[in-house]
């Protein structure tokens, strides 16, 4: 790991980092935080946290840079993002390893996350030439109407630990080609990956003689996030995390009539009908349930199984779970890494206890691993629990590898009703070879989630589609499709090229 940190330009001997100018932010005399790897408990670094005064300096730096950045033509901004994407390609391997070591997801997922950053850069470059408005016909003679989009200004980005770099890139690269500057507050649990990314983009800015304030980083606690949410200088705050956190951000931003883009919790289910392809279903279920050790907002948490398929699905899963290799995620033989920290382990154990108290039956897993190969880490065995959808614990999102098996009777509409009977609405899936069931799932009375898949699991979205969900998931959309519009303000323009001044609706006002 020393070599990885050296490659990324991060010193690690008696490490003590600050959000210094070399990272596009401000040096600070604030408190420090030790960063331990969930893989083996090792101290990776001691991070110096920013103060509220430091935050104000970062915002001022961003505001100054915005005056320059917004005047660049959008395709030129896209060229800078293209260079960032190419630089990320150069650093893909070491950055992927750092994601794995600091967050705990397996190395293939770490590489995949960096690839998401590269992909969104490519997407944003193309988008920089397609920031379209529309032309409308005016009711008044010799008038032209059209709408166009302008940048908002400073975009605040609050990201979570589970995707420590990809979600930042989803927001930042689109916001940047739209003409905005960004201030990033990463999770205090995974700041090193943020520092590495900031260093990479700072290199590109310097090579192009651009102000470092276009991309800004500030590492701080929840008070910094709260300050950003209340700050009128930040017209848009994009926040990823728990529903509880998102409600606080949304309330604070809404109180000042700002904009919030919220990507919050999920409680994702797969419906398995009597017509499902068993092999596809099992593969999608296992990856969705144990990938990232169940710490994805799109992780599969509920399995709604038709009674005719219930026993065979359960039997297959109970055979596969004991074969899952758990351990150091940098070892590519392992498929399941650790939870992020001991608090996550405690939440995992508490959720299983609550499930049992409500009548659930633990079928497999639920152990906390220790001993050789697990020293210092936060390793658990993924759990499967027979449960009912109405259980209070099933209604909650536990960020851990717990899969609830729920039997349903009747037709697909019965399953859909159960599927939708939770407060969250992020990702959903159905496995069926029956086109009528598939279309019902995607219809107006089907899945109420922002993402609805057929014969694909709940986890692993592509960047080309808009990502986000409904209900307690927050309603935000990031990444592909027309998500770029969230980072811009819309303006309607009317041009009179006549020598008369007719009024709309035929109003007469002669003076």
Protein backbone atom coordinates (compact mmCIF):
# COMPACT_ATOMS: atom_id res chain seq x y z
CA UNK A 1 0.00 0.00 0.00
CA UNK A 2 2.97 2.28 0.53
CA UNK A 3 3.75 2.02 -3.19
CA UNK A 4 0.13 2.86 -4.06
CA UNK A 5 0.17 5.98 -1.88
CA UNK A 6 3.50 7.06 -3.33
CA UNK A 7 2.16 6.61 -6.88
CA UNK A 8 -0.82 8.80 -6.04
CA UNK A 9 1.44 11.43 -4.49
CA UNK A 10 0.25 10.93 -0.92
CA UNK A 11 2.91 10.74 1.76
CA UNK A 12 2.41 7.98 4.31
CA UNK A 13 5.36 8.09 6.70
CA UNK A 14 3.89 9.26 10.00
CA UNK A 15 1.02 10.48 7.84
CA UNK A 16 -0.67 13.74 8.64
CA UNK A 17 -2.69 15.35 5.88
CA UNK A 18 -4.54 18.61 5.67
CA UNK A 19 -6.82 20.03 3.01
CA UNK A 20 -3.88 22.14 1.88
CA UNK A 21 -3.50 24.36 -1.18
CA UNK A 22 -1.90 21.55 -3.15
CA UNK A 23 -5.29 19.83 -3.00
CA UNK A 24 -7.29 22.88 -4.00
CA UNK A 25 -8.38 23.82 -0.51
CA UNK A 26 -7.13 25.52 2.62
CA UNK A 27 -4.64 24.54 5.28
CA UNK A 28 -6.31 24.18 8.65
CA UNK A 29 -5.42 24.04 12.27
CA UNK A 30 -8.52 22.04 13.10
CA UNK A 31 -8.96 18.70 14.79
CA UNK A 32 -7.51 15.49 13.42
CA UNK A 33 -9.03 12.12 12.59
CA UNK A 34 -7.26 8.79 12.35
CA UNK A 35 -8.13 6.76 9.26
CA UNK A 36 -7.97 3.00 9.75
CA UNK A 37 -8.38 0.43 7.02
CA UNK A 38 -11.41 -1.86 7.47
CA UNK A 39 -9.31 -4.58 5.86
CA UNK A 40 -6.80 -5.07 8.68
CA UNK A 41 -7.32 -2.19 11.10
CA UNK A 42 -4.05 -0.51 10.16
CA UNK A 43 -3.67 3.22 10.61
CA UNK A 44 -3.39 4.61 7.09
CA UNK A 45 -3.25 8.29 7.90
CA UNK A 46 -4.18 11.06 10.27
CA UNK A 47 -6.29 13.67 8.54
CA UNK A 48 -6.48 17.25 9.68
CA UNK A 49 -10.13 18.34 9.61
CA UNK A 50 -11.28 21.69 8.30
CA UNK A 51 -12.86 24.35 10.47
CA UNK A 52 -15.82 26.55 9.58
CA UNK A 53 -13.40 29.40 8.82
CA UNK A 54 -11.57 27.14 6.38
CA UNK A 55 -14.91 26.35 4.75
CA UNK A 56 -15.58 30.03 4.11
CA UNK A 57 -12.20 30.42 2.43
CA UNK A 58 -12.90 27.43 0.16
CA UNK A 59 -16.26 28.89 -0.89
CA UNK A 60 -14.67 32.24 -1.65
CA UNK A 61 -11.99 30.49 -3.70
CA UNK A 62 -14.71 28.66 -5.64
CA UNK A 63 -16.68 31.84 -6.27
CA UNK A 64 -13.60 33.51 -7.72
CA UNK A 65 -12.88 30.56 -10.01
CA UNK A 66 -16.52 30.47 -11.18
CA UNK A 67 -16.15 33.89 -12.81
CA UNK A 68 -13.44 32.45 -15.06
CA UNK A 69 -14.78 28.94 -15.59
CA UNK A 70 -18.31 29.97 -16.63
CA UNK A 71 -16.94 32.11 -19.47
CA UNK A 72 -15.17 29.19 -21.13
CA UNK A 73 -17.24 27.66 -23.95
CA UNK A 74 -18.80 24.40 -22.84
CA UNK A 75 -16.80 22.26 -25.32
CA UNK A 76 -13.60 23.74 -23.88
CA UNK A 77 -14.78 22.78 -20.40
CA UNK A 78 -15.44 19.34 -21.85
CA UNK A 79 -11.84 19.19 -23.03
CA UNK A 80 -10.62 19.66 -19.45
CA UNK A 81 -12.91 16.85 -18.31
CA UNK A 82 -11.56 14.69 -21.14
CA UNK A 83 -8.05 15.22 -19.84
CA UNK A 84 -9.19 14.30 -16.33
CA UNK A 85 -10.68 11.09 -17.70
CA UNK A 86 -7.42 10.22 -19.40
CA UNK A 87 -5.47 10.95 -16.23
CA UNK A 88 -7.81 8.65 -14.30
CA UNK A 89 -7.05 5.93 -16.83
CA UNK A 90 -3.37 6.29 -15.95
CA UNK A 91 -4.10 5.97 -12.24
CA UNK A 92 -6.85 3.36 -12.46
CA UNK A 93 -4.94 0.51 -10.83
CA UNK A 94 -3.45 2.34 -7.81
CA UNK A 95 -6.62 4.36 -7.24
CA UNK A 96 -8.70 1.19 -7.40
CA UNK A 97 -6.43 -0.40 -4.78
CA UNK A 98 -6.74 2.63 -2.53
CA UNK A 99 -10.54 2.50 -2.82
CA UNK A 100 -10.38 -1.15 -1.79
CA UNK A 101 -7.99 -0.64 1.12
CA UNK A 102 -9.72 2.43 2.53
CA UNK A 103 -13.34 1.38 1.97
CA UNK A 104 -13.16 -2.42 1.94
CA UNK A 105 -14.88 -3.40 -1.32
CA UNK A 106 -13.17 -6.14 -3.32
CA UNK A 107 -10.50 -5.08 -5.79
CA UNK A 108 -12.65 -5.77 -8.86
CA UNK A 109 -15.27 -3.42 -7.43
CA UNK A 110 -12.58 -0.86 -6.66
CA UNK A 111 -11.44 -0.96 -10.28
CA UNK A 112 -15.07 -0.79 -11.37
CA UNK A 113 -15.61 2.34 -9.35
CA UNK A 114 -12.67 4.09 -10.99
CA UNK A 115 -14.01 2.93 -14.36
CA UNK A 116 -17.30 4.63 -13.50
CA UNK A 117 -15.35 7.86 -13.06
CA UNK A 118 -13.74 7.39 -16.46
CA UNK A 119 -17.08 6.57 -18.06
CA UNK A 120 -18.81 9.64 -16.65
CA UNK A 121 -15.94 11.79 -17.91
CA UNK A 122 -16.51 10.39 -21.41
CA UNK A 123 -20.24 10.98 -21.06
CA UNK A 124 -19.74 14.53 -19.84
CA UNK A 125 -17.38 15.36 -22.72
CA UNK A 126 -20.13 14.48 -25.19
CA UNK A 127 -22.69 16.31 -23.09
CA UNK A 128 -20.61 19.49 -23.27
CA UNK A 129 -21.72 19.85 -26.90
CA UNK A 130 -25.35 18.97 -26.18
CA UNK A 131 -26.58 21.41 -23.55
CA UNK A 132 -29.73 21.88 -25.54
CA UNK A 133 -32.55 24.35 -25.13
CA UNK A 134 -35.76 24.49 -27.18
CA UNK A 135 -37.24 26.95 -29.65
CA UNK A 136 -40.96 27.76 -29.41
CA UNK A 137 -43.32 29.57 -31.78
CA UNK A 138 -44.52 32.89 -30.42
CA UNK A 139 -48.16 33.99 -30.69
CA UNK A 140 -46.89 37.48 -31.49
CA UNK A 141 -45.72 38.32 -35.02
CA UNK A 142 -41.99 38.72 -35.62
CA UNK A 143 -41.08 37.36 -32.21
CA UNK A 144 -38.82 34.46 -31.43
CA UNK A 145 -38.93 32.42 -28.21
CA UNK A 146 -36.45 29.94 -26.90
CA UNK A 147 -35.13 28.59 -23.63
CA UNK A 148 -31.54 28.07 -22.61
CA UNK A 149 -29.56 26.85 -19.63
CA UNK A 150 -26.96 28.67 -17.56
CA UNK A 151 -24.66 27.39 -14.79
CA UNK A 152 -25.80 27.77 -11.19
CA UNK A 153 -22.46 28.69 -9.62
CA UNK A 154 -21.01 26.75 -6.70
CA UNK A 155 -22.27 23.16 -6.46
CA UNK A 156 -21.79 21.46 -3.11
CA UNK A 157 -21.26 17.69 -3.14
CA UNK A 158 -21.59 15.56 -0.02
CA UNK A 159 -20.63 11.95 -0.74
CA UNK A 160 -20.83 8.71 1.25
CA UNK A 161 -18.18 6.15 2.14
CA UNK A 162 -19.54 3.26 0.10
CA UNK A 163 -18.76 4.86 -3.26
CA UNK A 164 -15.99 7.22 -2.16
CA UNK A 165 -15.09 8.51 -5.64
CA UNK A 166 -17.67 7.48 -8.27
CA UNK A 167 -20.61 9.49 -6.94
CA UNK A 168 -18.40 12.56 -6.67
CA UNK A 169 -17.44 12.13 -10.32
CA UNK A 170 -21.08 11.65 -11.40
CA UNK A 171 -21.86 15.07 -9.97
CA UNK A 172 -18.63 16.93 -10.59
CA UNK A 173 -18.00 16.11 -14.23
CA UNK A 174 -21.54 16.98 -15.31
CA UNK A 175 -21.62 20.09 -13.14
CA UNK A 176 -18.25 21.17 -14.55
CA UNK A 177 -19.17 20.92 -18.23
CA UNK A 178 -22.32 22.88 -17.38
CA UNK A 179 -20.08 25.72 -16.18
CA UNK A 180 -20.25 25.23 -12.43
CA UNK A 181 -17.46 24.95 -9.89
CA UNK A 182 -17.65 22.27 -7.20
CA UNK A 183 -16.92 21.98 -3.50
CA UNK A 184 -16.64 18.37 -2.38
CA UNK A 185 -17.12 17.20 1.18
CA UNK A 186 -16.31 13.46 1.14
CA UNK A 187 -17.18 11.05 3.91
CA UNK A 188 -14.78 11.51 6.81
CA UNK A 189 -14.45 7.70 6.75
CA UNK A 190 -12.81 7.70 3.30
CA UNK A 191 -10.87 10.95 2.80
CA UNK A 192 -7.70 9.52 1.24
CA UNK A 193 -9.38 8.53 -1.99
CA UNK A 194 -10.78 12.06 -2.13
CA UNK A 195 -7.33 13.54 -1.64
CA UNK A 196 -5.98 11.35 -4.43
CA UNK A 197 -8.74 12.42 -6.84
CA UNK A 198 -8.28 16.06 -5.92
CA UNK A 199 -4.58 15.82 -6.61
CA UNK A 200 -5.26 14.30 -10.02
CA UNK A 201 -7.68 17.05 -11.10
CA UNK A 202 -5.39 19.73 -9.65
CA UNK A 203 -2.60 18.51 -11.94
CA UNK A 204 -4.87 18.88 -14.97
CA UNK A 205 -5.98 22.37 -13.94
CA UNK A 206 -2.39 23.49 -13.43
CA UNK A 207 -1.33 22.16 -16.83
CA UNK A 208 -4.11 24.21 -18.42
CA UNK A 209 -3.42 27.41 -16.43
CA UNK A 210 -6.81 27.27 -14.78
CA UNK A 211 -7.60 28.30 -11.19
CA UNK A 212 -7.54 25.45 -8.69
CA UNK A 213 -10.85 26.66 -7.30
CA UNK A 214 -12.77 25.00 -10.14
CA UNK A 215 -12.57 21.73 -8.19
CA UNK A 216 -12.43 22.12 -4.41
CA UNK A 217 -12.12 19.68 -1.55
CA UNK A 218 -12.88 20.20 2.11
CA UNK A 219 -12.58 17.39 4.64
CA UNK A 220 -14.65 17.92 7.74
CA UNK A 221 -17.32 16.52 9.99
CA UNK A 222 -21.10 16.85 9.81
CA UNK A 223 -20.90 20.49 10.88
CA UNK A 224 -19.20 21.33 7.59
CA UNK A 225 -21.97 19.55 5.71
CA UNK A 226 -24.57 21.45 7.72
CA UNK A 227 -22.86 24.75 6.96
CA UNK A 228 -22.93 23.92 3.26
CA UNK A 229 -26.63 23.04 3.41
CA UNK A 230 -27.45 26.41 5.00
CA UNK A 231 -25.15 28.45 2.74
CA UNK A 232 -26.94 30.70 0.21
CA UNK A 233 -23.67 30.90 -1.74
CA UNK A 234 -24.20 27.24 -2.69
CA UNK A 235 -27.31 27.17 -4.90
CA UNK A 236 -27.27 23.38 -5.29
CA UNK A 237 -26.29 20.77 -2.70
CA UNK A 238 -26.05 17.19 -3.93
CA UNK A 239 -26.06 14.81 -0.97
CA UNK A 240 -25.68 11.04 -0.94
CA UNK A 241 -26.27 9.07 2.25
CA UNK A 242 -28.93 7.94 4.65
CA UNK A 243 -32.53 9.13 4.54
CA UNK A 244 -32.06 10.65 7.98
CA UNK A 245 -29.14 12.75 6.75
CA UNK A 246 -30.94 13.66 3.53
CA UNK A 247 -33.98 14.98 5.36
CA UNK A 248 -31.77 17.36 7.33
CA UNK A 249 -30.02 18.56 4.19
CA UNK A 250 -33.28 18.91 2.27
CA UNK A 251 -34.90 20.86 5.09
CA UNK A 252 -31.96 23.25 5.43
CA UNK A 253 -31.61 23.85 1.68
CA UNK A 254 -35.36 24.16 1.21
CA UNK A 255 -35.64 26.72 3.99
CA UNK A 256 -33.44 29.07 1.95
CA UNK A 257 -35.23 28.08 -1.30
CA UNK A 258 -32.11 26.48 -2.67
CA UNK A 259 -31.91 23.27 -4.65
CA UNK A 260 -31.06 19.86 -3.30
CA UNK A 261 -30.25 16.70 -5.23
CA UNK A 262 -30.78 13.81 -2.82
CA UNK A 263 -29.63 10.21 -3.32
CA UNK A 264 -30.66 8.44 -0.14
CA UNK A 265 -31.43 4.99 1.21
CA UNK A 266 -32.73 1.99 -0.65
CA UNK A 267 -34.63 -1.12 0.41
CA UNK A 268 -34.37 -2.98 -2.84
CA UNK A 269 -36.23 -6.14 -3.76
CA UNK A 270 -36.16 -8.75 -6.49
CA UNK A 271 -39.44 -10.40 -7.42
CA UNK A 272 -38.94 -14.00 -8.50
CA UNK A 273 -42.01 -15.30 -10.27
CA UNK A 274 -42.90 -18.87 -11.11
CA UNK A 275 -41.58 -18.20 -14.63
CA UNK A 276 -38.09 -17.04 -13.56
CA UNK A 277 -34.87 -18.42 -15.06
CA UNK A 278 -33.27 -19.98 -11.98
CA UNK A 279 -29.60 -19.63 -12.97
CA UNK A 280 -29.87 -15.94 -13.85
CA UNK A 281 -31.87 -15.28 -10.71
CA UNK A 282 -29.35 -16.87 -8.37
CA UNK A 283 -26.34 -15.08 -9.85
CA UNK A 284 -28.05 -11.68 -9.69
CA UNK A 285 -29.31 -12.28 -6.16
CA UNK A 286 -25.95 -13.27 -4.71
CA UNK A 287 -24.06 -10.37 -6.26
CA UNK A 288 -26.77 -7.91 -5.25
CA UNK A 289 -26.89 -9.20 -1.68
CA UNK A 290 -23.19 -9.61 -0.84
CA UNK A 291 -21.44 -7.22 -3.25
CA UNK A 292 -19.64 -4.46 -1.33
CA UNK A 293 -20.59 -6.53 1.73
CA UNK A 294 -24.16 -5.29 1.39
CA UNK A 295 -23.13 -1.64 1.63
CA UNK A 296 -24.56 -0.39 -1.63
CA UNK A 297 -27.67 1.75 -1.73
CA UNK A 298 -28.76 -0.63 -4.50
CA UNK A 299 -27.94 -3.82 -2.58
CA UNK A 300 -30.59 -6.54 -2.76
CA UNK A 301 -32.23 -6.66 0.67
CA UNK A 302 -35.55 -8.41 -0.01
CA UNK A 303 -36.29 -11.47 -2.15
CA UNK A 304 -39.99 -11.85 -2.95
CA UNK A 305 -40.36 -15.44 -4.13
CA UNK A 306 -43.43 -17.11 -5.57
CA UNK A 307 -44.46 -20.00 -3.34
CA UNK A 308 -43.94 -22.48 -6.18
CA UNK A 309 -40.24 -21.55 -6.42
CA UNK A 310 -39.53 -20.71 -2.80
CA UNK A 311 -38.00 -23.99 -1.63
CA UNK A 312 -35.66 -24.44 -4.60
CA UNK A 313 -34.44 -20.84 -4.42
CA UNK A 314 -33.80 -21.14 -0.70
CA UNK A 315 -31.96 -24.44 -1.16
CA UNK A 316 -29.72 -23.04 -3.87
CA UNK A 317 -28.81 -20.00 -1.82
CA UNK A 318 -28.04 -22.10 1.24
CA UNK A 319 -25.63 -24.15 -0.83
CA UNK A 320 -23.88 -21.13 -2.33
CA UNK A 321 -23.47 -18.92 0.74
CA UNK A 322 -21.01 -21.26 2.54
CA UNK A 323 -18.79 -21.23 -0.56
CA UNK A 324 -18.41 -17.43 -0.64
CA UNK A 325 -14.78 -16.57 0.03
CA UNK A 326 -14.53 -13.86 2.69
CA UNK A 327 -11.34 -12.00 3.49
CA UNK A 328 -8.82 -9.38 2.38
CA UNK A 329 -10.48 -7.66 -0.57
CA UNK A 330 -7.13 -7.06 -2.26
CA UNK A 331 -6.89 -10.83 -2.70
CA UNK A 332 -8.81 -11.40 -5.93
CA UNK A 333 -9.83 -14.87 -4.76
CA UNK A 334 -12.15 -13.27 -2.21
CA UNK A 335 -15.67 -12.21 -3.14
CA UNK A 336 -16.68 -10.55 0.13
CA UNK A 337 -14.68 -7.93 1.98
CA UNK A 338 -15.24 -6.24 5.34
CA UNK A 339 -17.82 -3.83 6.63
CA UNK A 340 -16.59 -0.25 6.89
CA UNK A 341 -16.12 -0.13 10.69
CA UNK A 342 -17.12 -1.59 14.03
CA UNK A 343 -20.28 0.50 14.17
CA UNK A 344 -21.42 -1.26 10.99
CA UNK A 345 -20.68 -4.63 12.57
CA UNK A 346 -22.78 -3.70 15.60
CA UNK A 347 -25.65 -2.57 13.37
CA UNK A 348 -25.44 -5.87 11.50
CA UNK A 349 -25.71 -7.88 14.71
CA UNK A 350 -28.49 -5.69 16.10
CA UNK A 351 -30.54 -6.01 12.90
CA UNK A 352 -30.34 -9.81 13.02
CA UNK A 353 -31.34 -9.82 16.67
CA UNK A 354 -34.31 -7.60 15.93
CA UNK A 355 -35.34 -9.82 13.02
CA UNK A 356 -35.35 -12.84 15.33
CA UNK A 357 -37.37 -10.97 17.93
CA UNK A 358 -40.00 -10.11 15.31
CA UNK A 359 -40.32 -13.74 14.24
CA UNK A 360 -37.67 -14.01 11.55
CA UNK A 361 -35.64 -17.18 11.16
CA UNK A 362 -31.89 -16.91 10.58
CA UNK A 363 -31.03 -19.59 8.02
CA UNK A 364 -27.32 -18.97 7.59
CA UNK A 365 -24.58 -16.47 8.37
CA UNK A 366 -24.62 -13.65 10.87
CA UNK A 367 -21.23 -14.44 12.40
CA UNK A 368 -18.48 -11.97 13.18
CA UNK A 369 -15.20 -13.43 11.95
CA UNK A 370 -11.93 -13.24 13.85
CA UNK A 371 -8.65 -15.07 13.96
CA UNK A 372 -6.16 -15.80 11.20
CA UNK A 373 -6.88 -13.85 8.03
CA UNK A 374 -9.36 -11.54 9.73
CA UNK A 375 -7.10 -9.74 12.21
CA UNK A 376 -8.08 -6.13 12.73
CA UNK A 377 -10.78 -6.22 10.07
CA UNK A 378 -14.56 -5.94 10.20
CA UNK A 379 -15.52 -9.23 8.61
CA UNK A 380 -18.92 -10.93 8.90
CA UNK A 381 -20.62 -13.84 7.17
CA UNK A 382 -23.51 -12.73 4.91
CA UNK A 383 -26.86 -13.68 6.39
CA UNK A 384 -30.12 -15.04 5.01
CA UNK A 385 -33.28 -14.58 7.07
CA UNK A 386 -36.80 -15.87 6.45
CA UNK A 387 -39.07 -12.94 7.22
CA UNK A 388 -42.27 -11.06 6.47
CA UNK A 389 -42.31 -7.77 4.61
CA UNK A 390 -44.17 -5.95 7.39
CA UNK A 391 -41.45 -6.58 10.01
CA UNK A 392 -40.12 -3.27 11.27
CA UNK A 393 -36.52 -4.31 10.62
CA UNK A 394 -37.37 -5.37 7.07
CA UNK A 395 -38.86 -1.92 6.49
CA UNK A 396 -35.52 -0.37 7.40
CA UNK A 397 -32.31 -0.20 5.39
CA UNK A 398 -29.49 -2.02 7.18
CA UNK A 399 -26.19 -1.30 5.45
CA UNK A 400 -24.94 -4.86 5.76
CA UNK A 401 -25.20 -8.22 3.94
CA UNK A 402 -28.62 -9.35 5.18
CA UNK A 403 -31.02 -10.90 2.66
CA UNK A 404 -34.65 -11.37 3.66
CA UNK A 405 -36.55 -14.22 1.98
CA UNK A 406 -40.25 -13.43 1.69
CA UNK A 407 -42.80 -15.83 0.23
CA UNK A 408 -45.69 -14.53 -1.85
CA UNK A 409 -48.84 -16.14 -3.19
CA UNK A 410 -51.04 -15.18 -6.10
CA UNK A 411 -50.13 -13.33 -9.28
CA UNK A 412 -47.44 -10.77 -10.02
CA UNK A 413 -49.66 -7.89 -8.88
CA UNK A 414 -49.70 -9.36 -5.39
CA UNK A 415 -45.89 -9.41 -5.41
CA UNK A 416 -45.74 -5.83 -6.70
CA UNK A 417 -48.01 -4.64 -3.89
CA UNK A 418 -45.66 -6.21 -1.34
CA UNK A 419 -42.63 -4.89 -3.19
CA UNK A 420 -43.89 -1.30 -3.02
CA UNK A 421 -44.89 -1.52 0.65
CA UNK A 422 -41.71 0.12 1.98
CA UNK A 423 -40.80 3.78 2.35
CA UNK A 424 -37.77 3.66 0.06
CA UNK A 425 -37.92 3.57 -3.73
CA UNK A 426 -34.48 3.27 -5.32
CA UNK A 427 -33.85 0.06 -7.28
CA UNK A 428 -36.03 -2.93 -8.12
CA UNK A 429 -35.99 -6.02 -10.30
CA UNK A 430 -38.16 -8.86 -11.51
CA UNK A 431 -37.02 -12.20 -12.87
CA UNK A 432 -39.49 -13.74 -15.25
CA UNK A 433 -39.67 -15.13 -18.78
CA UNK A 434 -43.34 -14.14 -18.98
CA UNK A 435 -43.72 -10.91 -20.95
CA UNK A 436 -47.04 -10.09 -19.28
CA UNK A 437 -45.41 -10.17 -15.83
CA UNK A 438 -42.46 -8.11 -17.05
CA UNK A 439 -44.66 -5.44 -18.56
CA UNK A 440 -46.87 -5.33 -15.47
CA UNK A 441 -43.78 -4.67 -13.36
CA UNK A 442 -42.83 -1.71 -15.58
CA UNK A 443 -46.35 -0.32 -15.90
CA UNK A 444 -48.03 2.56 -14.08
CA UNK A 445 -49.15 0.19 -11.34
CA UNK A 446 -45.82 -1.63 -11.25
CA UNK A 447 -42.59 -0.86 -9.39
CA UNK A 448 -42.59 2.55 -7.70
CA UNK A 449 -38.79 2.80 -7.79
CA UNK A 450 -36.59 5.09 -9.83
CA UNK A 451 -34.86 2.02 -11.30
CA UNK A 452 -36.82 -1.00 -12.46
CA UNK A 453 -35.04 -3.92 -14.12
CA UNK A 454 -36.20 -7.08 -15.85
CA UNK A 455 -33.93 -10.12 -15.60
CA UNK A 456 -31.15 -7.94 -14.18
CA UNK A 457 -30.42 -7.51 -10.47
CA UNK A 458 -30.90 -4.38 -8.41
CA UNK A 459 -27.20 -3.55 -8.21
CA UNK A 460 -24.82 -2.35 -10.90
CA UNK A 461 -26.35 0.57 -12.82
CA UNK A 462 -24.74 1.94 -15.97
CA UNK A 463 -23.81 5.62 -16.13
CA UNK A 464 -25.85 6.20 -19.29
CA UNK A 465 -29.16 6.14 -17.44
CA UNK A 466 -30.37 8.59 -14.83
CA UNK A 467 -29.68 7.18 -11.36
CA UNK A 468 -31.97 7.86 -8.42
CA UNK A 469 -35.17 6.94 -6.66
CA UNK A 470 -38.48 8.05 -5.22
CA UNK A 471 -40.13 8.36 -1.79
CA UNK A 472 -37.56 8.32 1.02
CA UNK A 473 -34.79 7.85 -1.53
CA UNK A 474 -35.07 11.57 -2.20
CA UNK A 475 -36.19 12.00 -5.82
CA UNK A 476 -32.80 13.11 -7.17
CA UNK A 477 -31.29 11.99 -10.47
CA UNK A 478 -27.58 11.80 -11.21
CA UNK A 479 -25.33 10.46 -13.94
CA UNK A 480 -26.84 9.89 -17.40
CA UNK A 481 -29.87 10.77 -19.51
CA UNK A 482 -30.82 14.44 -18.90
CA UNK A 483 -29.51 14.58 -15.33
CA UNK A 484 -27.28 17.49 -16.42
CA UNK A 485 -30.28 19.82 -16.15
CA UNK A 486 -30.16 19.59 -12.34
CA UNK A 487 -26.90 21.57 -12.41
CA UNK A 488 -28.25 24.48 -14.46
CA UNK A 489 -30.81 27.24 -14.25
CA UNK A 490 -33.37 27.49 -17.02
CA UNK A 491 -34.12 30.77 -18.76
CA UNK A 492 -36.86 31.61 -21.27
CA UNK A 493 -35.95 34.28 -23.81
CA UNK A 494 -38.24 36.27 -26.12
CA UNK A 495 -36.84 38.48 -28.87
CA UNK A 496 -38.94 41.06 -30.68
CA UNK A 497 -37.48 41.80 -34.11
CA UNK A 498 -40.37 44.01 -35.27
CA UNK A 499 -40.99 47.73 -34.85
CA UNK A 500 -44.23 47.11 -32.96
CA UNK A 501 -44.88 46.10 -29.36
CA UNK A 502 -47.79 43.64 -29.35
CA UNK A 503 -48.66 42.14 -25.97
CA UNK A 504 -49.34 38.49 -25.26
CA UNK A 505 -52.92 37.26 -24.99
CA UNK A 506 -53.97 40.12 -27.26
CA UNK A 507 -53.98 42.63 -24.43
CA UNK A 508 -54.47 46.26 -25.49
CA UNK A 509 -52.56 48.89 -23.53
CA UNK A 510 -52.35 52.06 -25.57
CA UNK A 511 -50.77 55.19 -24.11
